[in-house]
Amino acid sequence: MTVVVCGEAMLLMLAEPGVPLERATAFRRSIAGAESNVAAGLARLGHDVRWIGRVGADPAGRSVLAMLRADGIDTCHAVVDPGAPTGLLVRDSHPSRAIDVQYYRAGSAASRLAPEELAPEMVSGARIVHVTGITPMLSDSAHQATLRLFDLAREAGALVSFDPNIRLKLGSPEQWRERVAPLLGRADIVLAGQDELELLGVDPARLDALVVVKHRDKSATLGEARQEAFPVTLVDPVGAGDAFAAGFLSGLLREEPYETCLREAAAVAALVVQCVSDTDGLPDRAGLDRALASFTEAGETVHR
């Protein structure tokens, strides 16, 4: 297994585009979750991916697992919990106003992730283990499980990829600084927004890691390499960060130069924001190559 991701996967009920959530009557079922989005992105780009997580023994959980497996993601270590529900996310979609997102995840099966559930064989052979700050913020036990995951990855010789992915509905800035900021210092690859680093009080120059910073102007930098966002029509911004992570990690796995990794990350993100759900726009390899060719014709380049 090339990549292992660990985190929450939820059932997403997405309102019809443009309709405020409180007035929406038609919803589309899909899947949401930072790590599962990255898993889907990497799987479609041709990588072997395993998802570790928990769902409830309910229709939502069965639907989530079916959608993960449909992308070729290995779920052999997924836990189905008969005593807790699968998390639910309900949101609307609009290109030019704040999106209304409602989470129903308190007491979910995912929040009951515990360190004793994680075993060395789950990450054996992995080159990269990816997790976000959302997972340790779900509960105390999920925090301890995240710490164990870092240890298991290190013992297996895998690189740890970490995206803070701050969601203040899960905790105050102080809580994020206490629980998540130390994890950046333990990661080998950090994918973080400039605003996230500032909130966490982390200086990227002091991290002993490969650090990609996503800036407020939508550009991204890695050392001296800089990639501007590709100009596309925005339909829905949700999922852009996870798409960026998938594109970047795919480049790393293929041992591409960092400039290429950044460019592919920006291209995958550009494809995703043109679609309404978190995963609809995630391309396969051929689709990404076509997009990169199109952007090249438009004159977009990586700047140094």
C-alpha atoms as a PDB file:
ATOM      1  CA  MET A   1       0.000   0.000   0.000  1.00  0.00           C
ATOM      2  CA  THR A   2       1.595   3.283  -1.136  1.00  0.00           C
ATOM      3  CA  VAL A   3      -0.436   5.775   0.902  1.00  0.00           C
ATOM      4  CA  VAL A   4      -2.388   5.402   4.122  1.00  0.00           C
ATOM      5  CA  VAL A   5      -4.816   8.054   5.308  1.00  0.00           C
ATOM      6  CA  CYS A   6      -6.541   8.090   8.663  1.00  0.00           C
ATOM      7  CA  GLY A   7      -9.515  10.224   9.568  1.00  0.00           C
ATOM      8  CA  GLU A   8     -13.208  10.874   9.511  1.00  0.00           C
ATOM      9  CA  ALA A   9     -15.385  10.153   6.498  1.00  0.00           C
ATOM     10  CA  MET A  10     -18.932  11.488   6.675  1.00  0.00           C
ATOM     11  CA  LEU A  11     -22.050  11.303   4.615  1.00  0.00           C
ATOM     12  CA  LEU A  12     -22.552  14.619   2.817  1.00  0.00           C
ATOM     13  CA  MET A  13     -25.988  15.953   1.969  1.00  0.00           C
ATOM     14  CA  LEU A  14     -25.391  18.758  -0.521  1.00  0.00           C
ATOM     15  CA  ALA A  15     -28.165  21.245  -1.283  1.00  0.00           C
ATOM     16  CA  GLU A  16     -28.947  22.195  -4.853  1.00  0.00           C
ATOM     17  CA  PRO A  17     -26.466  24.876  -6.045  1.00  0.00           C
ATOM     18  CA  GLY A  18     -27.278  28.468  -5.165  1.00  0.00           C
ATOM     19  CA  VAL A  19     -30.126  27.695  -2.755  1.00  0.00           C
ATOM     20  CA  PRO A  20     -29.594  28.717   0.892  1.00  0.00           C
ATOM     21  CA  LEU A  21     -29.530  25.739   3.209  1.00  0.00           C
ATOM     22  CA  GLU A  22     -32.603  26.840   5.168  1.00  0.00           C
ATOM     23  CA  ARG A  23     -34.682  26.915   1.964  1.00  0.00           C
ATOM     24  CA  ALA A  24     -33.242  23.912   0.159  1.00  0.00           C
ATOM     25  CA  THR A  25     -35.593  21.035  -0.597  1.00  0.00           C
ATOM     26  CA  ALA A  26     -33.424  18.940  -2.918  1.00  0.00           C
ATOM     27  CA  PHE A  27     -30.198  17.352  -1.683  1.00  0.00           C
ATOM     28  CA  ARG A  28     -27.582  15.178  -3.307  1.00  0.00           C
ATOM     29  CA  ARG A  29     -25.859  12.423  -1.350  1.00  0.00           C
ATOM     30  CA  SER A  30     -22.068  12.298  -1.444  1.00  0.00           C
ATOM     31  CA  ILE A  31     -19.085  11.793   0.846  1.00  0.00           C
ATOM     32  CA  ALA A  32     -17.056  14.326   2.813  1.00  0.00           C
ATOM     33  CA  GLY A  33     -13.987  14.214   5.003  1.00  0.00           C
ATOM     34  CA  ALA A  34     -10.543  15.747   4.590  1.00  0.00           C
ATOM     35  CA  GLU A  35      -8.565  12.511   4.599  1.00  0.00           C
ATOM     36  CA  SER A  36     -11.081  10.598   2.501  1.00  0.00           C
ATOM     37  CA  ASN A  37     -10.999  13.423  -0.075  1.00  0.00           C
ATOM     38  CA  VAL A  38      -7.215  13.099  -0.302  1.00  0.00           C
ATOM     39  CA  ALA A  39      -7.571   9.336  -0.557  1.00  0.00           C
ATOM     40  CA  ALA A  40      -9.991   9.668  -3.470  1.00  0.00           C
ATOM     41  CA  GLY A  41      -7.729  12.166  -5.220  1.00  0.00           C
ATOM     42  CA  LEU A  42      -4.665   9.937  -4.945  1.00  0.00           C
ATOM     43  CA  ALA A  43      -6.561   6.788  -5.922  1.00  0.00           C
ATOM     44  CA  ARG A  44      -7.904   8.416  -9.082  1.00  0.00           C
ATOM     45  CA  LEU A  45      -4.379   9.517  -9.963  1.00  0.00           C
ATOM     46  CA  GLY A  46      -3.296   5.882  -9.912  1.00  0.00           C
ATOM     47  CA  HIS A  47      -1.893   5.342  -6.428  1.00  0.00           C
ATOM     48  CA  ASP A  48      -2.668   2.491  -4.043  1.00  0.00           C
ATOM     49  CA  VAL A  49      -4.461   4.014  -1.065  1.00  0.00           C
ATOM     50  CA  ARG A  50      -5.803   2.685   2.221  1.00  0.00           C
ATOM     51  CA  TRP A  51      -8.317   4.494   4.426  1.00  0.00           C
ATOM     52  CA  ILE A  52      -8.301   3.879   8.173  1.00  0.00           C
ATOM     53  CA  GLY A  53     -11.317   5.108  10.084  1.00  0.00           C
ATOM     54  CA  ARG A  54     -14.641   4.319  11.688  1.00  0.00           C
ATOM     55  CA  VAL A  55     -18.241   4.476  10.532  1.00  0.00           C
ATOM     56  CA  GLY A  56     -21.493   3.492  12.155  1.00  0.00           C
ATOM     57  CA  ALA A  57     -23.387   0.278  11.454  1.00  0.00           C
ATOM     58  CA  ASP A  58     -26.019   2.291   9.619  1.00  0.00           C
ATOM     59  CA  PRO A  59     -27.058   3.128   6.041  1.00  0.00           C
ATOM     60  CA  ALA A  60     -24.800   6.203   6.052  1.00  0.00           C
ATOM     61  CA  GLY A  61     -21.799   4.097   7.039  1.00  0.00           C
ATOM     62  CA  ARG A  62     -22.505   1.503   4.382  1.00  0.00           C
ATOM     63  CA  SER A  63     -22.860   4.266   1.812  1.00  0.00           C
ATOM     64  CA  VAL A  64     -19.562   5.884   2.834  1.00  0.00           C
ATOM     65  CA  LEU A  65     -17.664   2.603   2.589  1.00  0.00           C
ATOM     66  CA  ALA A  66     -19.240   1.820  -0.773  1.00  0.00           C
ATOM     67  CA  MET A  67     -18.207   5.204  -2.178  1.00  0.00           C
ATOM     68  CA  LEU A  68     -14.641   4.782  -0.911  1.00  0.00           C
ATOM     69  CA  ARG A  69     -14.404   1.311  -2.432  1.00  0.00           C
ATOM     70  CA  ALA A  70     -15.823   2.589  -5.724  1.00  0.00           C
ATOM     71  CA  ASP A  71     -12.669   4.695  -6.060  1.00  0.00           C
ATOM     72  CA  GLY A  72     -10.510   1.642  -5.440  1.00  0.00           C
ATOM     73  CA  ILE A  73      -9.595   2.643  -1.886  1.00  0.00           C
ATOM     74  CA  ASP A  74      -8.706  -0.196   0.494  1.00  0.00           C
ATOM     75  CA  THR A  75     -11.039  -0.191   3.507  1.00  0.00           C
ATOM     76  CA  CYS A  76     -10.019  -3.553   4.957  1.00  0.00           C
ATOM     77  CA  HIS A  77      -9.128  -1.961   8.306  1.00  0.00           C
ATOM     78  CA  ALA A  78     -12.250   0.200   8.576  1.00  0.00           C
ATOM     79  CA  VAL A  79     -14.156  -0.278  11.825  1.00  0.00           C
ATOM     80  CA  VAL A  80     -17.950  -0.518  11.727  1.00  0.00           C
ATOM     81  CA  ASP A  81     -19.260   0.573  15.128  1.00  0.00           C
ATOM     82  CA  PRO A  82     -22.710  -0.726  16.117  1.00  0.00           C
ATOM     83  CA  GLY A  83     -22.890   1.705  19.019  1.00  0.00           C
ATOM     84  CA  ALA A  84     -22.340   5.073  17.319  1.00  0.00           C
ATOM     85  CA  PRO A  85     -23.630   6.768  14.156  1.00  0.00           C
ATOM     86  CA  THR A  86     -21.760   7.819  11.052  1.00  0.00           C
ATOM     87  CA  GLY A  87     -21.078  11.558  11.008  1.00  0.00           C
ATOM     88  CA  LEU A  88     -23.261  13.734   8.796  1.00  0.00           C
ATOM     89  CA  LEU A  89     -22.441  16.991   7.049  1.00  0.00           C
ATOM     90  CA  VAL A  90     -25.166  19.142   5.486  1.00  0.00           C
ATOM     91  CA  ARG A  91     -24.206  22.183   3.433  1.00  0.00           C
ATOM     92  CA  ASP A  92     -25.211  24.467   0.616  1.00  0.00           C
ATOM     93  CA  SER A  93     -23.173  25.553  -2.395  1.00  0.00           C
ATOM     94  CA  HIS A  94     -22.542  29.016  -3.798  1.00  0.00           C
ATOM     95  CA  PRO A  95     -19.595  30.578  -5.657  1.00  0.00           C
ATOM     96  CA  SER A  96     -19.729  34.074  -4.168  1.00  0.00           C
ATOM     97  CA  ARG A  97     -21.068  33.960  -0.625  1.00  0.00           C
ATOM     98  CA  ALA A  98     -20.123  32.144   2.549  1.00  0.00           C
ATOM     99  CA  ILE A  99     -21.180  28.510   2.460  1.00  0.00           C
ATOM    100  CA  ASP A 100     -23.423  27.322   5.292  1.00  0.00           C
ATOM    101  CA  VAL A 101     -21.983  24.096   6.725  1.00  0.00           C
ATOM    102  CA  GLN A 102     -23.730  22.136   9.471  1.00  0.00           C
ATOM    103  CA  TYR A 103     -21.925  19.232  11.140  1.00  0.00           C
ATOM    104  CA  TYR A 104     -23.649  16.401  12.998  1.00  0.00           C
ATOM    105  CA  ARG A 105     -20.626  14.541  14.307  1.00  0.00           C
ATOM    106  CA  ALA A 106     -20.762  14.748  18.123  1.00  0.00           C
ATOM    107  CA  GLY A 107     -20.528  11.200  19.470  1.00  0.00           C
ATOM    108  CA  SER A 108     -19.978   9.793  15.996  1.00  0.00           C
ATOM    109  CA  ALA A 109     -18.212   6.523  15.305  1.00  0.00           C
ATOM    110  CA  ALA A 110     -15.223   8.489  13.979  1.00  0.00           C
ATOM    111  CA  SER A 111     -14.862  10.381  17.251  1.00  0.00           C
ATOM    112  CA  ARG A 112     -14.368   7.041  19.027  1.00  0.00           C
ATOM    113  CA  LEU A 113     -11.130   6.288  17.172  1.00  0.00           C
ATOM    114  CA  ALA A 114      -8.707   4.962  19.794  1.00  0.00           C
ATOM    115  CA  PRO A 115      -4.949   4.247  19.765  1.00  0.00           C
ATOM    116  CA  GLU A 116      -5.369   0.556  20.576  1.00  0.00           C
ATOM    117  CA  GLU A 117      -7.238   0.104  17.271  1.00  0.00           C
ATOM    118  CA  LEU A 118      -4.147   1.035  15.259  1.00  0.00           C
ATOM    119  CA  ALA A 119      -1.677  -1.734  14.483  1.00  0.00           C
ATOM    120  CA  PRO A 120       1.670  -1.804  12.634  1.00  0.00           C
ATOM    121  CA  GLU A 121       0.293  -3.864   9.748  1.00  0.00           C
ATOM    122  CA  MET A 122      -2.082  -1.034   8.859  1.00  0.00           C
ATOM    123  CA  VAL A 123       0.816   1.160   7.672  1.00  0.00           C
ATOM    124  CA  SER A 124       3.285  -1.561   6.673  1.00  0.00           C
ATOM    125  CA  GLY A 125       4.846  -0.772   3.290  1.00  0.00           C
ATOM    126  CA  ALA A 126       3.377   2.729   3.093  1.00  0.00           C
ATOM    127  CA  ARG A 127       5.550   5.484   1.677  1.00  0.00           C
ATOM    128  CA  ILE A 128       3.326   8.260   3.005  1.00  0.00           C
ATOM    129  CA  VAL A 129       0.857   8.407   5.892  1.00  0.00           C
ATOM    130  CA  HIS A 130      -1.462  11.414   5.658  1.00  0.00           C
ATOM    131  CA  VAL A 131      -3.622  12.924   8.387  1.00  0.00           C
ATOM    132  CA  THR A 132      -5.121  16.325   9.171  1.00  0.00           C
ATOM    133  CA  GLY A 133      -5.686  18.370  12.297  1.00  0.00           C
ATOM    134  CA  ILE A 134      -9.364  17.504  12.196  1.00  0.00           C
ATOM    135  CA  THR A 135      -8.735  13.956  13.406  1.00  0.00           C
ATOM    136  CA  PRO A 136      -6.996  14.809  16.719  1.00  0.00           C
ATOM    137  CA  MET A 137      -9.619  17.487  17.388  1.00  0.00           C
ATOM    138  CA  LEU A 138     -12.520  15.016  17.255  1.00  0.00           C
ATOM    139  CA  SER A 139     -11.918  13.687  20.771  1.00  0.00           C
ATOM    140  CA  ASP A 140      -9.242  12.893  23.331  1.00  0.00           C
ATOM    141  CA  SER A 141      -9.059   9.294  22.155  1.00  0.00           C
ATOM    142  CA  ALA A 142      -8.747  10.397  18.511  1.00  0.00           C
ATOM    143  CA  HIS A 143      -5.919  12.706  19.573  1.00  0.00           C
ATOM    144  CA  GLN A 144      -4.103   9.807  21.217  1.00  0.00           C
ATOM    145  CA  ALA A 145      -4.741   7.685  18.130  1.00  0.00           C
ATOM    146  CA  THR A 146      -3.167  10.373  15.959  1.00  0.00           C
ATOM    147  CA  LEU A 147      -0.057  10.382  18.134  1.00  0.00           C
ATOM    148  CA  ARG A 148       0.160   6.595  17.809  1.00  0.00           C
ATOM    149  CA  LEU A 149      -0.291   6.869  14.036  1.00  0.00           C
ATOM    150  CA  PHE A 150       2.730   9.192  13.882  1.00  0.00           C
ATOM    151  CA  ASP A 151       4.762   6.643  15.846  1.00  0.00           C
ATOM    152  CA  LEU A 152       3.647   3.736  13.670  1.00  0.00           C
ATOM    153  CA  ALA A 153       4.463   5.656  10.494  1.00  0.00           C
ATOM    154  CA  ARG A 154       7.924   6.458  11.783  1.00  0.00           C
ATOM    155  CA  GLU A 155       8.550   2.814  12.721  1.00  0.00           C
ATOM    156  CA  ALA A 156       7.393   1.717   9.262  1.00  0.00           C
ATOM    157  CA  GLY A 157       9.749   4.152   7.527  1.00  0.00           C
ATOM    158  CA  ALA A 158       6.876   6.163   6.031  1.00  0.00           C
ATOM    159  CA  LEU A 159       6.814   9.915   5.649  1.00  0.00           C
ATOM    160  CA  VAL A 160       4.113  11.680   7.684  1.00  0.00           C
ATOM    161  CA  SER A 161       2.115  14.235   5.723  1.00  0.00           C
ATOM    162  CA  PHE A 162       0.107  16.687   7.835  1.00  0.00           C
ATOM    163  CA  ASP A 163      -2.435  19.358   6.934  1.00  0.00           C
ATOM    164  CA  PRO A 164      -3.765  21.409   9.900  1.00  0.00           C
ATOM    165  CA  ASN A 165      -7.103  21.929   8.102  1.00  0.00           C
ATOM    166  CA  ILE A 166      -8.373  24.174  10.879  1.00  0.00           C
ATOM    167  CA  ARG A 167     -12.125  24.123  11.513  1.00  0.00           C
ATOM    168  CA  LEU A 168     -13.016  26.397  14.414  1.00  0.00           C
ATOM    169  CA  LYS A 169     -16.334  24.631  14.931  1.00  0.00           C
ATOM    170  CA  LEU A 170     -14.244  21.832  16.434  1.00  0.00           C
ATOM    171  CA  GLY A 171     -12.470  23.996  18.985  1.00  0.00           C
ATOM    172  CA  SER A 172     -11.178  27.428  19.921  1.00  0.00           C
ATOM    173  CA  PRO A 173      -7.904  28.797  18.566  1.00  0.00           C
ATOM    174  CA  GLU A 174      -6.330  28.039  21.942  1.00  0.00           C
ATOM    175  CA  GLN A 175      -7.439  24.414  21.708  1.00  0.00           C
ATOM    176  CA  TRP A 176      -6.050  24.105  18.192  1.00  0.00           C
ATOM    177  CA  ARG A 177      -2.738  25.580  19.315  1.00  0.00           C
ATOM    178  CA  GLU A 178      -2.521  23.179  22.234  1.00  0.00           C
ATOM    179  CA  ARG A 179      -3.425  20.000  20.374  1.00  0.00           C
ATOM    180  CA  VAL A 180      -2.446  20.510  16.740  1.00  0.00           C
ATOM    181  CA  ALA A 181       0.510  22.904  16.668  1.00  0.00           C
ATOM    182  CA  PRO A 182       2.926  20.320  18.181  1.00  0.00           C
ATOM    183  CA  LEU A 183       2.037  17.849  15.436  1.00  0.00           C
ATOM    184  CA  LEU A 184       3.525  20.102  12.757  1.00  0.00           C
ATOM    185  CA  GLY A 185       6.894  19.635  14.436  1.00  0.00           C
ATOM    186  CA  ARG A 186       6.590  15.855  14.102  1.00  0.00           C
ATOM    187  CA  ALA A 187       5.618  15.795  10.418  1.00  0.00           C
ATOM    188  CA  ASP A 188       7.873  15.255   7.402  1.00  0.00           C
ATOM    189  CA  ILE A 189       5.543  17.091   5.004  1.00  0.00           C
ATOM    190  CA  VAL A 190       3.419  20.055   6.072  1.00  0.00           C
ATOM    191  CA  LEU A 191       0.689  21.504   3.847  1.00  0.00           C
ATOM    192  CA  ALA A 192      -0.665  24.583   5.609  1.00  0.00           C
ATOM    193  CA  GLY A 193      -2.393  27.851   4.914  1.00  0.00           C
ATOM    194  CA  GLN A 194      -0.598  31.039   5.836  1.00  0.00           C
ATOM    195  CA  ASP A 195      -3.533  31.966   8.064  1.00  0.00           C
ATOM    196  CA  GLU A 196      -3.390  28.532   9.750  1.00  0.00           C
ATOM    197  CA  LEU A 197       0.296  28.893  10.570  1.00  0.00           C
ATOM    198  CA  GLU A 198      -0.392  32.317  12.055  1.00  0.00           C
ATOM    199  CA  LEU A 199      -3.295  31.049  14.163  1.00  0.00           C
ATOM    200  CA  LEU A 200      -1.205  28.121  15.435  1.00  0.00           C
ATOM    201  CA  GLY A 201       1.761  30.384  16.147  1.00  0.00           C
ATOM    202  CA  VAL A 202       4.083  28.227  14.032  1.00  0.00           C
ATOM    203  CA  ASP A 203       7.005  29.677  12.076  1.00  0.00           C
ATOM    204  CA  PRO A 204       7.393  27.507   8.961  1.00  0.00           C
ATOM    205  CA  ALA A 205      11.089  28.349   8.775  1.00  0.00           C
ATOM    206  CA  ARG A 206      11.604  26.564  12.100  1.00  0.00           C
ATOM    207  CA  LEU A 207       9.992  23.310  11.000  1.00  0.00           C
ATOM    208  CA  ASP A 208      12.252  20.404  10.104  1.00  0.00           C
ATOM    209  CA  ALA A 209       9.974  19.365   7.267  1.00  0.00           C
ATOM    210  CA  LEU A 210       9.064  19.915   3.659  1.00  0.00           C
ATOM    211  CA  VAL A 211       6.708  22.873   4.109  1.00  0.00           C
ATOM    212  CA  VAL A 212       4.194  24.028   1.513  1.00  0.00           C
ATOM    213  CA  VAL A 213       2.529  27.322   2.424  1.00  0.00           C
ATOM    214  CA  LYS A 214      -0.791  28.244   0.823  1.00  0.00           C
ATOM    215  CA  HIS A 215      -1.117  32.024   0.787  1.00  0.00           C
ATOM    216  CA  ARG A 216      -4.147  34.280   0.994  1.00  0.00           C
ATOM    217  CA  ASP A 217      -3.826  35.207  -2.685  1.00  0.00           C
ATOM    218  CA  LYS A 218      -4.280  31.475  -3.490  1.00  0.00           C
ATOM    219  CA  SER A 219      -0.633  31.029  -4.508  1.00  0.00           C
ATOM    220  CA  ALA A 220       1.538  28.373  -2.884  1.00  0.00           C
ATOM    221  CA  THR A 221       5.228  28.303  -2.091  1.00  0.00           C
ATOM    222  CA  LEU A 222       7.794  25.666  -1.256  1.00  0.00           C
ATOM    223  CA  GLY A 223      11.139  27.257  -0.537  1.00  0.00           C
ATOM    224  CA  GLU A 224      11.837  29.572  -3.462  1.00  0.00           C
ATOM    225  CA  ALA A 225       9.338  27.903  -5.798  1.00  0.00           C
ATOM    226  CA  ARG A 226       6.011  29.673  -6.171  1.00  0.00           C
ATOM    227  CA  GLN A 227       2.871  28.523  -7.955  1.00  0.00           C
ATOM    228  CA  GLU A 228       0.012  30.874  -8.712  1.00  0.00           C
ATOM    229  CA  ALA A 229      -3.551  29.638  -8.707  1.00  0.00           C
ATOM    230  CA  PHE A 230      -4.911  28.831 -12.139  1.00  0.00           C
ATOM    231  CA  PRO A 231      -7.673  31.210 -13.301  1.00  0.00           C
ATOM    232  CA  VAL A 232     -10.863  29.170 -13.474  1.00  0.00           C
ATOM    233  CA  THR A 233     -14.547  29.778 -12.894  1.00  0.00           C
ATOM    234  CA  LEU A 234     -15.286  29.161  -9.233  1.00  0.00           C
ATOM    235  CA  VAL A 235     -18.371  27.059  -8.599  1.00  0.00           C
ATOM    236  CA  ASP A 236     -17.716  25.802  -5.060  1.00  0.00           C
ATOM    237  CA  PRO A 237     -14.472  26.303  -3.072  1.00  0.00           C
ATOM    238  CA  VAL A 238     -14.979  23.416  -0.638  1.00  0.00           C
ATOM    239  CA  GLY A 239     -12.424  20.636  -1.066  1.00  0.00           C
ATOM    240  CA  ALA A 240      -9.765  22.769  -2.746  1.00  0.00           C
ATOM    241  CA  GLY A 241      -7.202  22.216   0.011  1.00  0.00           C
ATOM    242  CA  ASP A 242      -7.660  18.451   0.002  1.00  0.00           C
ATOM    243  CA  ALA A 243      -7.406  18.413  -3.791  1.00  0.00           C
ATOM    244  CA  PHE A 244      -4.195  20.442  -3.574  1.00  0.00           C
ATOM    245  CA  ALA A 245      -2.781  17.926  -1.092  1.00  0.00           C
ATOM    246  CA  ALA A 246      -3.650  14.993  -3.357  1.00  0.00           C
ATOM    247  CA  GLY A 247      -2.000  16.600  -6.372  1.00  0.00           C
ATOM    248  CA  PHE A 248       1.123  17.531  -4.436  1.00  0.00           C
ATOM    249  CA  LEU A 249       1.549  14.131  -2.796  1.00  0.00           C
ATOM    250  CA  SER A 250       1.008  12.409  -6.138  1.00  0.00           C
ATOM    251  CA  GLY A 251       3.923  14.364  -7.575  1.00  0.00           C
ATOM    252  CA  LEU A 252       6.106  13.478  -4.601  1.00  0.00           C
ATOM    253  CA  LEU A 253       5.282   9.797  -4.952  1.00  0.00           C
ATOM    254  CA  ARG A 254       6.391   9.937  -8.574  1.00  0.00           C
ATOM    255  CA  GLU A 255       9.572  11.756  -7.463  1.00  0.00           C
ATOM    256  CA  GLU A 256       8.816  14.800  -9.570  1.00  0.00           C
ATOM    257  CA  PRO A 257      10.623  18.114  -8.975  1.00  0.00           C
ATOM    258  CA  TYR A 258       8.959  20.307  -6.360  1.00  0.00           C
ATOM    259  CA  GLU A 259       7.918  22.797  -9.040  1.00  0.00           C
ATOM    260  CA  THR A 260       6.000  20.039 -10.824  1.00  0.00           C
ATOM    261  CA  CYS A 261       4.415  18.903  -7.555  1.00  0.00           C
ATOM    262  CA  LEU A 262       3.162  22.440  -6.885  1.00  0.00           C
ATOM    263  CA  ARG A 263       1.849  22.808 -10.405  1.00  0.00           C
ATOM    264  CA  GLU A 264      -0.049  19.536 -10.292  1.00  0.00           C
ATOM    265  CA  ALA A 265      -1.430  20.441  -6.870  1.00  0.00           C
ATOM    266  CA  ALA A 266      -2.741  23.753  -8.189  1.00  0.00           C
ATOM    267  CA  ALA A 267      -4.229  22.040 -11.239  1.00  0.00           C
ATOM    268  CA  VAL A 268      -6.125  19.421  -9.204  1.00  0.00           C
ATOM    269  CA  ALA A 269      -7.451  22.180  -6.924  1.00  0.00           C
ATOM    270  CA  ALA A 270      -8.531  24.216  -9.961  1.00  0.00           C
ATOM    271  CA  LEU A 271     -10.491  21.265 -11.319  1.00  0.00           C
ATOM    272  CA  VAL A 272     -12.243  20.622  -8.008  1.00  0.00           C
ATOM    273  CA  VAL A 273     -13.450  24.196  -7.430  1.00  0.00           C
ATOM    274  CA  GLN A 274     -15.276  24.062 -10.762  1.00  0.00           C
ATOM    275  CA  CYS A 275     -17.616  21.372  -9.374  1.00  0.00           C
ATOM    276  CA  VAL A 276     -20.119  21.435  -6.528  1.00  0.00           C
ATOM    277  CA  SER A 277     -19.011  18.505  -4.394  1.00  0.00           C
ATOM    278  CA  ASP A 278     -15.701  17.817  -2.638  1.00  0.00           C
ATOM    279  CA  THR A 279     -14.757  15.004  -5.027  1.00  0.00           C
ATOM    280  CA  ASP A 280     -16.604  15.425  -8.349  1.00  0.00           C
ATOM    281  CA  GLY A 281     -13.741  17.329  -9.958  1.00  0.00           C
ATOM    282  CA  LEU A 282     -10.916  15.060  -8.814  1.00  0.00           C
ATOM    283  CA  PRO A 283      -9.272  13.895 -12.064  1.00  0.00           C
ATOM    284  CA  ASP A 284      -7.690  10.688 -13.184  1.00  0.00           C
ATOM    285  CA  ARG A 285      -4.164  10.863 -14.608  1.00  0.00           C
ATOM    286  CA  ALA A 286      -5.318  11.517 -18.158  1.00  0.00           C
ATOM    287  CA  GLY A 287      -7.676  14.251 -16.990  1.00  0.00           C
ATOM    288  CA  LEU A 288      -4.913  15.949 -15.029  1.00  0.00           C
ATOM    289  CA  ASP A 289      -2.563  15.788 -18.011  1.00  0.00           C
ATOM    290  CA  ARG A 290      -5.205  17.418 -20.208  1.00  0.00           C
ATOM    291  CA  ALA A 291      -5.729  20.160 -17.656  1.00  0.00           C
ATOM    292  CA  LEU A 292      -1.999  20.794 -17.345  1.00  0.00           C
ATOM    293  CA  ALA A 293      -1.696  21.045 -21.119  1.00  0.00           C
ATOM    294  CA  SER A 294      -4.589  23.500 -21.202  1.00  0.00           C
ATOM    295  CA  PHE A 295      -3.060  25.656 -18.487  1.00  0.00           C
ATOM    296  CA  THR A 296       0.292  25.578 -20.305  1.00  0.00           C
ATOM    297  CA  GLU A 297      -1.372  26.842 -23.461  1.00  0.00           C
ATOM    298  CA  ALA A 298      -2.834  29.669 -21.399  1.00  0.00           C
ATOM    299  CA  GLY A 299       0.702  30.657 -20.417  1.00  0.00           C
ATOM    300  CA  GLU A 300       0.620  29.750 -16.720  1.00  0.00           C
ATOM    301  CA  THR A 301       3.984  28.819 -15.194  1.00  0.00           C
ATOM    302  CA  VAL A 302       5.693  28.144 -11.918  1.00  0.00           C
ATOM    303  CA  HIS A 303       7.612  31.211 -10.774  1.00  0.00           C
ATOM    304  CA  ARG A 304      10.956  31.148  -9.057  1.00  0.00           C
END
